[in-house]
Amino acid sequence: MLPWFSSIYTSLTTRYLAKSLHHGLLFSGVKGIGKFQLALELSHTLLCKQSSVQGPCGQCQSCNLRQAGNHPDFHILESEKQLGVDKIREGIAKLIGTAQMGGNKVLLIPKADSMTEAASNALLKTLEEPTLNTYLILITNSVNKLMPTILSRCEKHTLGLPTEQESMQYLVQKGFNDVSPALLGAYGNAPLSVEDALSGEDDFSYRLFSDGMRALLAGDADKQPQMLANKWKDNAGQVALWCQQHAHERFMQRQQPDDYVRYKACVDAVKTLQHPGVNKSMVLFGLLKQFQR
């Protein structure tokens, strides 16, 4: 269990063992703090035949099936794009009737905000009148994207960021010994986002962005705005947010009008890049020109 969620995990498992846990749970919070990991661990506890406040026993038949990845009463609903009504109905159908293992049934929806309106409406009846021994766990990075009717039928848990010390300790334990507070801040102080960026095969990272911006600010002729804009266009939204963070920090440090102008340009670029069909390279070029000496 992630250490910053140990308290809420203990609270939820205690309530479950006392038979007072709500059947519909919603975990919300920023990306990269471990909401899915918390939901998984709780799911394992709900499925275990001998669970305790410490969690699943890890030895019963239910735990063995879960560890093998083929527990018949545990279902995760995911989709590359939106979660449509057919996918939701498919998940709901698996909850009907008695659990095959004679215990609980758990349906986990990692990206609940990707449900279409029809899918949300299809889920409502199950949230209102769940079958016996059924638990639904929804996860979202943005509560505002969920229908009010879904929100009203779930027990809501807003999960906060871990402290900087907790994040740093976690990353060191994962083998990342050179993470700075600045790097952590670049990923919204979300340790799992930093872990993904440093361990993944993504061609774009904050370090690459920092190297490019450092060269741009130094007036390196090989790092002109147009070249960087073309190179970074597939990550334009992230680039604009990092530029905004950089400009904000500079303005807070120096209180110079030029820094505020750059910050305002970043804010405008972030908004512009949210529109579909926008020329991302052109928007980035205009933004990066603001930083060029």
C-alpha atoms as a PDB file:
ATOM      1  CA  MET A   1       0.000   0.000   0.000  1.00  0.00           C
ATOM      2  CA  LEU A   2       1.267   3.490  -0.841  1.00  0.00           C
ATOM      3  CA  PRO A   3       2.213   5.047   2.506  1.00  0.00           C
ATOM      4  CA  TRP A   4       0.246   8.263   1.970  1.00  0.00           C
ATOM      5  CA  PHE A   5      -2.943   6.220   1.539  1.00  0.00           C
ATOM      6  CA  SER A   6      -2.438   3.889   4.490  1.00  0.00           C
ATOM      7  CA  SER A   7      -4.814   5.851   6.719  1.00  0.00           C
ATOM      8  CA  ILE A   8      -7.755   5.900   4.305  1.00  0.00           C
ATOM      9  CA  TYR A   9      -7.112   2.278   3.364  1.00  0.00           C
ATOM     10  CA  THR A  10      -7.276   1.214   7.004  1.00  0.00           C
ATOM     11  CA  SER A  11     -10.456   3.235   7.464  1.00  0.00           C
ATOM     12  CA  LEU A  12     -12.136   1.624   4.428  1.00  0.00           C
ATOM     13  CA  THR A  13     -11.130  -1.923   5.365  1.00  0.00           C
ATOM     14  CA  THR A  14     -12.254  -1.391   8.950  1.00  0.00           C
ATOM     15  CA  ARG A  15     -15.658  -0.245   7.740  1.00  0.00           C
ATOM     16  CA  TYR A  16     -15.863  -3.186   5.349  1.00  0.00           C
ATOM     17  CA  LEU A  17     -15.164  -5.670   8.132  1.00  0.00           C
ATOM     18  CA  ALA A  18     -17.821  -3.904  10.209  1.00  0.00           C
ATOM     19  CA  LYS A  19     -20.242  -4.281   7.264  1.00  0.00           C
ATOM     20  CA  SER A  20     -20.683  -0.507   6.965  1.00  0.00           C
ATOM     21  CA  LEU A  21     -18.812   0.174   3.716  1.00  0.00           C
ATOM     22  CA  HIS A  22     -20.866   1.792   0.955  1.00  0.00           C
ATOM     23  CA  HIS A  23     -21.293  -0.313  -2.178  1.00  0.00           C
ATOM     24  CA  GLY A  24     -20.410   2.560  -4.535  1.00  0.00           C
ATOM     25  CA  LEU A  25     -17.085   4.327  -3.985  1.00  0.00           C
ATOM     26  CA  LEU A  26     -15.582   7.186  -5.976  1.00  0.00           C
ATOM     27  CA  PHE A  27     -11.881   8.006  -5.680  1.00  0.00           C
ATOM     28  CA  SER A  28     -10.912  11.370  -7.141  1.00  0.00           C
ATOM     29  CA  GLY A  29      -7.681  13.337  -7.228  1.00  0.00           C
ATOM     30  CA  VAL A  30      -4.951  14.499  -9.563  1.00  0.00           C
ATOM     31  CA  LYS A  31      -3.206  12.091 -11.904  1.00  0.00           C
ATOM     32  CA  GLY A  32      -0.175  10.235 -10.643  1.00  0.00           C
ATOM     33  CA  ILE A  33      -0.890   9.881  -6.922  1.00  0.00           C
ATOM     34  CA  GLY A  34      -1.903   6.204  -6.947  1.00  0.00           C
ATOM     35  CA  LYS A  35      -5.708   6.186  -6.965  1.00  0.00           C
ATOM     36  CA  PHE A  36      -5.744   3.018  -9.056  1.00  0.00           C
ATOM     37  CA  GLN A  37      -3.318   1.272  -6.705  1.00  0.00           C
ATOM     38  CA  LEU A  38      -5.539   2.126  -3.734  1.00  0.00           C
ATOM     39  CA  ALA A  39      -8.615   0.841  -5.575  1.00  0.00           C
ATOM     40  CA  LEU A  40      -6.828  -2.381  -6.522  1.00  0.00           C
ATOM     41  CA  GLU A  41      -5.687  -3.052  -2.977  1.00  0.00           C
ATOM     42  CA  LEU A  42      -9.173  -2.416  -1.635  1.00  0.00           C
ATOM     43  CA  SER A  43     -10.622  -4.701  -4.324  1.00  0.00           C
ATOM     44  CA  HIS A  44      -8.265  -7.461  -3.235  1.00  0.00           C
ATOM     45  CA  THR A  45      -9.439  -7.030   0.344  1.00  0.00           C
ATOM     46  CA  LEU A  46     -13.086  -7.210  -0.709  1.00  0.00           C
ATOM     47  CA  LEU A  47     -12.457 -10.435  -2.635  1.00  0.00           C
ATOM     48  CA  CYS A  48     -10.350 -12.203  -0.001  1.00  0.00           C
ATOM     49  CA  LYS A  49     -12.068 -14.890   2.092  1.00  0.00           C
ATOM     50  CA  GLN A  50      -9.929 -14.117   5.153  1.00  0.00           C
ATOM     51  CA  SER A  51      -9.255 -10.402   4.883  1.00  0.00           C
ATOM     52  CA  SER A  52      -8.277  -8.276   7.883  1.00  0.00           C
ATOM     53  CA  VAL A  53      -7.550  -4.624   8.597  1.00  0.00           C
ATOM     54  CA  GLN A  54      -4.068  -5.301   7.201  1.00  0.00           C
ATOM     55  CA  GLY A  55      -5.581  -6.385   3.882  1.00  0.00           C
ATOM     56  CA  PRO A  56      -5.998  -9.639   1.955  1.00  0.00           C
ATOM     57  CA  CYS A  57      -4.471 -12.812   3.365  1.00  0.00           C
ATOM     58  CA  GLY A  58      -2.725 -13.670   0.099  1.00  0.00           C
ATOM     59  CA  GLN A  59      -3.197 -17.409   0.694  1.00  0.00           C
ATOM     60  CA  CYS A  60      -6.857 -18.319   0.204  1.00  0.00           C
ATOM     61  CA  GLN A  61      -8.249 -19.635  -3.075  1.00  0.00           C
ATOM     62  CA  SER A  62      -9.726 -16.245  -3.901  1.00  0.00           C
ATOM     63  CA  CYS A  63      -6.346 -14.533  -3.398  1.00  0.00           C
ATOM     64  CA  ASN A  64      -4.612 -17.184  -5.519  1.00  0.00           C
ATOM     65  CA  LEU A  65      -7.051 -16.647  -8.368  1.00  0.00           C
ATOM     66  CA  ARG A  66      -6.700 -12.891  -8.089  1.00  0.00           C
ATOM     67  CA  GLN A  67      -2.901 -13.123  -8.123  1.00  0.00           C
ATOM     68  CA  ALA A  68      -3.125 -15.307 -11.219  1.00  0.00           C
ATOM     69  CA  GLY A  69      -5.222 -12.634 -12.881  1.00  0.00           C
ATOM     70  CA  ASN A  70      -8.327 -14.718 -13.456  1.00  0.00           C
ATOM     71  CA  HIS A  71     -10.643 -14.120 -10.500  1.00  0.00           C
ATOM     72  CA  PRO A  72     -14.188 -14.699 -11.847  1.00  0.00           C
ATOM     73  CA  ASP A  73     -15.773 -12.035  -9.609  1.00  0.00           C
ATOM     74  CA  PHE A  74     -13.341  -9.184 -10.291  1.00  0.00           C
ATOM     75  CA  HIS A  75     -13.857  -7.040 -13.376  1.00  0.00           C
ATOM     76  CA  ILE A  76     -12.090  -3.931 -14.661  1.00  0.00           C
ATOM     77  CA  LEU A  77     -13.846  -1.805 -17.273  1.00  0.00           C
ATOM     78  CA  GLU A  78     -11.447   0.043 -19.557  1.00  0.00           C
ATOM     79  CA  SER A  79     -11.496   1.465 -23.049  1.00  0.00           C
ATOM     80  CA  GLU A  80      -8.924   3.213 -25.231  1.00  0.00           C
ATOM     81  CA  LYS A  81     -11.314   6.108 -25.787  1.00  0.00           C
ATOM     82  CA  GLN A  82     -14.752   6.589 -24.250  1.00  0.00           C
ATOM     83  CA  LEU A  83     -16.559   3.993 -22.185  1.00  0.00           C
ATOM     84  CA  GLY A  84     -19.710   3.302 -24.138  1.00  0.00           C
ATOM     85  CA  VAL A  85     -23.032   1.923 -23.005  1.00  0.00           C
ATOM     86  CA  ASP A  86     -22.309  -1.560 -24.397  1.00  0.00           C
ATOM     87  CA  LYS A  87     -19.130  -1.842 -22.332  1.00  0.00           C
ATOM     88  CA  ILE A  88     -20.966  -0.771 -19.181  1.00  0.00           C
ATOM     89  CA  ARG A  89     -23.809  -3.213 -19.803  1.00  0.00           C
ATOM     90  CA  GLU A  90     -21.240  -5.950 -20.334  1.00  0.00           C
ATOM     91  CA  GLY A  91     -19.714  -5.177 -16.941  1.00  0.00           C
ATOM     92  CA  ILE A  92     -23.080  -4.979 -15.204  1.00  0.00           C
ATOM     93  CA  ALA A  93     -24.101  -8.347 -16.651  1.00  0.00           C
ATOM     94  CA  LYS A  94     -21.131  -9.939 -14.891  1.00  0.00           C
ATOM     95  CA  LEU A  95     -22.453  -8.716 -11.543  1.00  0.00           C
ATOM     96  CA  ILE A  96     -25.842 -10.383 -11.863  1.00  0.00           C
ATOM     97  CA  GLY A  97     -26.422 -13.456  -9.750  1.00  0.00           C
ATOM     98  CA  THR A  98     -24.352 -15.079  -7.036  1.00  0.00           C
ATOM     99  CA  ALA A  99     -20.597 -14.617  -6.948  1.00  0.00           C
ATOM    100  CA  GLN A 100     -18.844 -17.633  -8.438  1.00  0.00           C
ATOM    101  CA  MET A 101     -16.468 -17.781  -5.479  1.00  0.00           C
ATOM    102  CA  GLY A 102     -19.318 -17.326  -3.019  1.00  0.00           C
ATOM    103  CA  GLY A 103     -18.011 -13.987  -1.754  1.00  0.00           C
ATOM    104  CA  ASN A 104     -18.107 -10.459  -3.153  1.00  0.00           C
ATOM    105  CA  LYS A 105     -18.212  -9.166  -6.707  1.00  0.00           C
ATOM    106  CA  VAL A 106     -16.157  -6.098  -7.580  1.00  0.00           C
ATOM    107  CA  LEU A 107     -16.413  -3.850 -10.633  1.00  0.00           C
ATOM    108  CA  LEU A 108     -13.588  -1.324 -11.030  1.00  0.00           C
ATOM    109  CA  ILE A 109     -13.817   1.593 -13.491  1.00  0.00           C
ATOM    110  CA  PRO A 110     -10.386   3.331 -13.629  1.00  0.00           C
ATOM    111  CA  LYS A 111     -11.497   6.191 -15.900  1.00  0.00           C
ATOM    112  CA  ALA A 112     -15.064   6.831 -14.852  1.00  0.00           C
ATOM    113  CA  ASP A 113     -15.047  10.301 -16.423  1.00  0.00           C
ATOM    114  CA  SER A 114     -14.680   8.674 -19.865  1.00  0.00           C
ATOM    115  CA  MET A 115     -18.205   7.233 -19.665  1.00  0.00           C
ATOM    116  CA  THR A 116     -20.644   8.548 -22.227  1.00  0.00           C
ATOM    117  CA  GLU A 117     -23.967   9.933 -21.010  1.00  0.00           C
ATOM    118  CA  ALA A 118     -25.715   6.735 -22.085  1.00  0.00           C
ATOM    119  CA  ALA A 119     -23.106   4.638 -20.256  1.00  0.00           C
ATOM    120  CA  SER A 120     -23.526   6.708 -17.108  1.00  0.00           C
ATOM    121  CA  ASN A 121     -27.287   6.284 -17.237  1.00  0.00           C
ATOM    122  CA  ALA A 122     -26.857   2.537 -17.683  1.00  0.00           C
ATOM    123  CA  LEU A 123     -24.683   2.393 -14.569  1.00  0.00           C
ATOM    124  CA  LEU A 124     -27.145   4.356 -12.438  1.00  0.00           C
ATOM    125  CA  LYS A 125     -29.565   1.503 -11.748  1.00  0.00           C
ATOM    126  CA  THR A 126     -26.755  -0.729 -10.492  1.00  0.00           C
ATOM    127  CA  LEU A 127     -25.491   2.076  -8.261  1.00  0.00           C
ATOM    128  CA  GLU A 128     -29.022   2.593  -6.942  1.00  0.00           C
ATOM    129  CA  GLU A 129     -29.928  -1.078  -6.549  1.00  0.00           C
ATOM    130  CA  PRO A 130     -26.786  -3.227  -6.556  1.00  0.00           C
ATOM    131  CA  THR A 131     -27.005  -6.985  -6.537  1.00  0.00           C
ATOM    132  CA  LEU A 132     -26.075  -8.753  -3.310  1.00  0.00           C
ATOM    133  CA  ASN A 133     -22.421  -8.514  -2.206  1.00  0.00           C
ATOM    134  CA  THR A 134     -21.510  -6.155  -5.037  1.00  0.00           C
ATOM    135  CA  TYR A 135     -19.047  -3.256  -4.870  1.00  0.00           C
ATOM    136  CA  LEU A 136     -18.405  -0.661  -7.558  1.00  0.00           C
ATOM    137  CA  ILE A 137     -15.237   1.444  -7.395  1.00  0.00           C
ATOM    138  CA  LEU A 138     -14.964   4.435  -9.714  1.00  0.00           C
ATOM    139  CA  ILE A 139     -11.818   6.501 -10.269  1.00  0.00           C
ATOM    140  CA  THR A 140     -11.498   9.939 -11.835  1.00  0.00           C
ATOM    141  CA  ASN A 141      -8.969  12.735 -12.259  1.00  0.00           C
ATOM    142  CA  SER A 142     -11.814  15.210 -12.738  1.00  0.00           C
ATOM    143  CA  VAL A 143     -15.030  15.030 -10.716  1.00  0.00           C
ATOM    144  CA  ASN A 144     -16.557  17.780 -12.864  1.00  0.00           C
ATOM    145  CA  LYS A 145     -16.650  15.421 -15.852  1.00  0.00           C
ATOM    146  CA  LEU A 146     -19.003  13.009 -14.093  1.00  0.00           C
ATOM    147  CA  MET A 147     -22.771  13.331 -14.224  1.00  0.00           C
ATOM    148  CA  PRO A 148     -24.328  14.736 -11.025  1.00  0.00           C
ATOM    149  CA  THR A 149     -26.524  11.645 -10.766  1.00  0.00           C
ATOM    150  CA  ILE A 150     -23.418   9.424 -10.638  1.00  0.00           C
ATOM    151  CA  LEU A 151     -21.833  11.638  -7.998  1.00  0.00           C
ATOM    152  CA  SER A 152     -24.945  11.607  -5.836  1.00  0.00           C
ATOM    153  CA  ARG A 153     -25.018   7.814  -5.680  1.00  0.00           C
ATOM    154  CA  CYS A 154     -21.380   7.297  -4.726  1.00  0.00           C
ATOM    155  CA  GLU A 155     -19.501   7.739  -1.497  1.00  0.00           C
ATOM    156  CA  LYS A 156     -16.903  10.303  -2.553  1.00  0.00           C
ATOM    157  CA  HIS A 157     -13.274  10.287  -1.414  1.00  0.00           C
ATOM    158  CA  THR A 158     -11.059  13.157  -2.549  1.00  0.00           C
ATOM    159  CA  LEU A 159      -7.454  11.989  -2.375  1.00  0.00           C
ATOM    160  CA  GLY A 160      -4.727  14.563  -1.872  1.00  0.00           C
ATOM    161  CA  LEU A 161      -1.093  14.749  -2.891  1.00  0.00           C
ATOM    162  CA  PRO A 162       1.536  13.090  -0.720  1.00  0.00           C
ATOM    163  CA  THR A 163       4.015  15.350   1.014  1.00  0.00           C
ATOM    164  CA  GLU A 164       7.275  16.140  -0.737  1.00  0.00           C
ATOM    165  CA  GLN A 165       9.109  13.923   1.753  1.00  0.00           C
ATOM    166  CA  GLU A 166       6.754  10.993   1.125  1.00  0.00           C
ATOM    167  CA  SER A 167       7.158  11.396  -2.629  1.00  0.00           C
ATOM    168  CA  MET A 168      10.941  11.608  -2.441  1.00  0.00           C
ATOM    169  CA  GLN A 169      11.145   8.551  -0.177  1.00  0.00           C
ATOM    170  CA  TYR A 170       8.910   6.590  -2.542  1.00  0.00           C
ATOM    171  CA  LEU A 171      11.029   7.499  -5.589  1.00  0.00           C
ATOM    172  CA  VAL A 172      14.272   6.625  -3.816  1.00  0.00           C
ATOM    173  CA  GLN A 173      12.805   3.224  -2.899  1.00  0.00           C
ATOM    174  CA  LYS A 174      11.996   2.771  -6.581  1.00  0.00           C
ATOM    175  CA  GLY A 175      15.625   3.434  -7.476  1.00  0.00           C
ATOM    176  CA  PHE A 176      15.391   7.075  -8.556  1.00  0.00           C
ATOM    177  CA  ASN A 177      17.997   8.755  -6.369  1.00  0.00           C
ATOM    178  CA  ASP A 178      18.529  11.934  -8.372  1.00  0.00           C
ATOM    179  CA  VAL A 179      15.007  13.369  -8.389  1.00  0.00           C
ATOM    180  CA  SER A 180      14.958  17.017  -7.355  1.00  0.00           C
ATOM    181  CA  PRO A 181      12.040  18.974  -5.875  1.00  0.00           C
ATOM    182  CA  ALA A 182      11.958  20.926  -9.163  1.00  0.00           C
ATOM    183  CA  LEU A 183      11.515  17.725 -11.180  1.00  0.00           C
ATOM    184  CA  LEU A 184       8.805  16.538  -8.796  1.00  0.00           C
ATOM    185  CA  GLY A 185       7.088  19.912  -9.132  1.00  0.00           C
ATOM    186  CA  ALA A 186       7.209  19.684 -12.917  1.00  0.00           C
ATOM    187  CA  TYR A 187       4.932  16.658 -12.689  1.00  0.00           C
ATOM    188  CA  GLY A 188       2.507  18.334 -10.315  1.00  0.00           C
ATOM    189  CA  ASN A 189       4.181  16.801  -7.231  1.00  0.00           C
ATOM    190  CA  ALA A 190       2.691  13.458  -8.263  1.00  0.00           C
ATOM    191  CA  PRO A 191       5.331  10.763  -7.589  1.00  0.00           C
ATOM    192  CA  LEU A 192       3.851   8.097  -9.836  1.00  0.00           C
ATOM    193  CA  SER A 193       3.893  10.521 -12.772  1.00  0.00           C
ATOM    194  CA  VAL A 194       7.601  11.090 -12.138  1.00  0.00           C
ATOM    195  CA  GLU A 195       8.149   7.339 -11.901  1.00  0.00           C
ATOM    196  CA  ASP A 196       6.365   6.757 -15.215  1.00  0.00           C
ATOM    197  CA  ALA A 197       8.353   9.509 -16.925  1.00  0.00           C
ATOM    198  CA  LEU A 198      11.717   8.240 -15.699  1.00  0.00           C
ATOM    199  CA  SER A 199      11.100   4.530 -16.235  1.00  0.00           C
ATOM    200  CA  GLY A 200       9.058   4.651 -19.428  1.00  0.00           C
ATOM    201  CA  GLU A 201      10.146   4.726 -23.028  1.00  0.00           C
ATOM    202  CA  ASP A 202       8.537   8.059 -23.806  1.00  0.00           C
ATOM    203  CA  ASP A 203      10.745  10.212 -26.010  1.00  0.00           C
ATOM    204  CA  PHE A 204       9.636  13.346 -24.189  1.00  0.00           C
ATOM    205  CA  SER A 205      10.367  14.223 -20.572  1.00  0.00           C
ATOM    206  CA  TYR A 206      10.794  17.255 -18.359  1.00  0.00           C
ATOM    207  CA  ARG A 207      14.546  16.861 -18.585  1.00  0.00           C
ATOM    208  CA  LEU A 208      14.453  17.080 -22.378  1.00  0.00           C
ATOM    209  CA  PHE A 209      12.188  20.107 -22.095  1.00  0.00           C
ATOM    210  CA  SER A 210      14.563  21.736 -19.583  1.00  0.00           C
ATOM    211  CA  ASP A 211      17.569  21.126 -21.825  1.00  0.00           C
ATOM    212  CA  GLY A 212      15.763  22.675 -24.786  1.00  0.00           C
ATOM    213  CA  MET A 213      14.571  25.694 -22.824  1.00  0.00           C
ATOM    214  CA  ARG A 214      17.993  26.226 -21.285  1.00  0.00           C
ATOM    215  CA  ALA A 215      19.537  26.304 -24.746  1.00  0.00           C
ATOM    216  CA  LEU A 216      16.782  28.596 -26.012  1.00  0.00           C
ATOM    217  CA  LEU A 217      17.269  31.027 -23.140  1.00  0.00           C
ATOM    218  CA  ALA A 218      21.018  30.981 -23.746  1.00  0.00           C
ATOM    219  CA  GLY A 219      20.504  31.955 -27.372  1.00  0.00           C
ATOM    220  CA  ASP A 220      21.754  28.681 -28.855  1.00  0.00           C
ATOM    221  CA  ALA A 221      21.326  28.986 -32.628  1.00  0.00           C
ATOM    222  CA  ASP A 222      20.632  25.254 -32.918  1.00  0.00           C
ATOM    223  CA  LYS A 223      17.622  25.493 -30.577  1.00  0.00           C
ATOM    224  CA  GLN A 224      15.430  28.054 -32.288  1.00  0.00           C
ATOM    225  CA  PRO A 225      11.703  28.298 -31.444  1.00  0.00           C
ATOM    226  CA  GLN A 226      10.519  26.848 -34.760  1.00  0.00           C
ATOM    227  CA  MET A 227      12.689  23.764 -34.427  1.00  0.00           C
ATOM    228  CA  LEU A 228      11.553  23.150 -30.848  1.00  0.00           C
ATOM    229  CA  ALA A 229       7.924  23.824 -31.753  1.00  0.00           C
ATOM    230  CA  ASN A 230       8.032  21.209 -34.515  1.00  0.00           C
ATOM    231  CA  LYS A 231       9.844  18.756 -32.264  1.00  0.00           C
ATOM    232  CA  TRP A 232       7.503  19.216 -29.316  1.00  0.00           C
ATOM    233  CA  LYS A 233       4.147  19.634 -31.090  1.00  0.00           C
ATOM    234  CA  ASP A 234       2.908  16.159 -30.086  1.00  0.00           C
ATOM    235  CA  ASN A 235       3.361  17.191 -26.444  1.00  0.00           C
ATOM    236  CA  ALA A 236       2.218  20.788 -26.920  1.00  0.00           C
ATOM    237  CA  GLY A 237      -0.166  20.872 -23.972  1.00  0.00           C
ATOM    238  CA  GLN A 238       2.458  19.626 -21.537  1.00  0.00           C
ATOM    239  CA  VAL A 239       5.070  22.018 -22.953  1.00  0.00           C
ATOM    240  CA  ALA A 240       2.726  24.978 -22.490  1.00  0.00           C
ATOM    241  CA  LEU A 241       2.030  23.965 -18.876  1.00  0.00           C
ATOM    242  CA  TRP A 242       5.735  23.622 -18.122  1.00  0.00           C
ATOM    243  CA  CYS A 243       6.406  26.989 -19.765  1.00  0.00           C
ATOM    244  CA  GLN A 244       3.634  28.474 -17.629  1.00  0.00           C
ATOM    245  CA  GLN A 245       5.183  27.010 -14.491  1.00  0.00           C
ATOM    246  CA  HIS A 246       8.610  28.363 -15.476  1.00  0.00           C
ATOM    247  CA  ALA A 247       7.240  31.841 -16.238  1.00  0.00           C
ATOM    248  CA  HIS A 248       5.257  31.947 -13.006  1.00  0.00           C
ATOM    249  CA  GLU A 249       8.303  31.047 -10.924  1.00  0.00           C
ATOM    250  CA  ARG A 250      10.380  33.728 -12.696  1.00  0.00           C
ATOM    251  CA  PHE A 251       7.721  36.359 -12.125  1.00  0.00           C
ATOM    252  CA  MET A 252       7.362  35.490  -8.440  1.00  0.00           C
ATOM    253  CA  GLN A 253      11.141  35.722  -8.025  1.00  0.00           C
ATOM    254  CA  ARG A 254      11.769  38.939  -9.955  1.00  0.00           C
ATOM    255  CA  GLN A 255       8.378  40.708 -10.282  1.00  0.00           C
ATOM    256  CA  GLN A 256       9.388  41.963 -13.726  1.00  0.00           C
ATOM    257  CA  PRO A 257       6.782  43.019 -16.355  1.00  0.00           C
ATOM    258  CA  ASP A 258       8.449  40.870 -19.036  1.00  0.00           C
ATOM    259  CA  ASP A 259       8.013  37.782 -16.889  1.00  0.00           C
ATOM    260  CA  TYR A 260       4.324  38.524 -16.433  1.00  0.00           C
ATOM    261  CA  VAL A 261       3.905  38.968 -20.204  1.00  0.00           C
ATOM    262  CA  ARG A 262       5.445  35.521 -20.720  1.00  0.00           C
ATOM    263  CA  TYR A 263       3.219  34.026 -18.028  1.00  0.00           C
ATOM    264  CA  LYS A 264       0.094  35.518 -19.636  1.00  0.00           C
ATOM    265  CA  ALA A 265       1.185  34.166 -23.024  1.00  0.00           C
ATOM    266  CA  CYS A 266       1.504  30.710 -21.468  1.00  0.00           C
ATOM    267  CA  VAL A 267      -1.969  30.886 -19.940  1.00  0.00           C
ATOM    268  CA  ASP A 268      -3.413  31.870 -23.320  1.00  0.00           C
ATOM    269  CA  ALA A 269      -1.499  29.075 -25.084  1.00  0.00           C
ATOM    270  CA  VAL A 270      -2.756  26.440 -22.649  1.00  0.00           C
ATOM    271  CA  LYS A 271      -6.346  27.524 -23.370  1.00  0.00           C
ATOM    272  CA  THR A 272      -5.790  27.670 -27.127  1.00  0.00           C
ATOM    273  CA  LEU A 273      -4.278  24.190 -27.251  1.00  0.00           C
ATOM    274  CA  GLN A 274      -7.436  22.726 -25.718  1.00  0.00           C
ATOM    275  CA  HIS A 275      -9.343  23.452 -28.934  1.00  0.00           C
ATOM    276  CA  PRO A 276      -9.430  20.586 -31.453  1.00  0.00           C
ATOM    277  CA  GLY A 277      -7.830  21.201 -34.829  1.00  0.00           C
ATOM    278  CA  VAL A 278      -5.527  23.971 -33.629  1.00  0.00           C
ATOM    279  CA  ASN A 279      -2.086  24.191 -35.243  1.00  0.00           C
ATOM    280  CA  LYS A 280      -0.020  23.078 -32.254  1.00  0.00           C
ATOM    281  CA  SER A 281       3.319  23.827 -33.853  1.00  0.00           C
ATOM    282  CA  MET A 282       2.272  27.390 -34.627  1.00  0.00           C
ATOM    283  CA  VAL A 283       0.948  27.969 -31.090  1.00  0.00           C
ATOM    284  CA  LEU A 284       4.167  26.643 -29.585  1.00  0.00           C
ATOM    285  CA  PHE A 285       6.291  28.733 -31.944  1.00  0.00           C
ATOM    286  CA  GLY A 286       4.522  31.892 -30.825  1.00  0.00           C
ATOM    287  CA  LEU A 287       4.902  30.887 -27.185  1.00  0.00           C
ATOM    288  CA  LEU A 288       8.579  29.939 -27.359  1.00  0.00           C
ATOM    289  CA  LYS A 289       9.383  33.207 -29.145  1.00  0.00           C
ATOM    290  CA  GLN A 290       8.377  34.887 -25.890  1.00  0.00           C
ATOM    291  CA  PHE A 291      11.265  33.135 -24.148  1.00  0.00           C
ATOM    292  CA  GLN A 292      13.922  33.657 -26.793  1.00  0.00           C
ATOM    293  CA  ARG A 293      16.536  36.253 -26.032  1.00  0.00           C
END
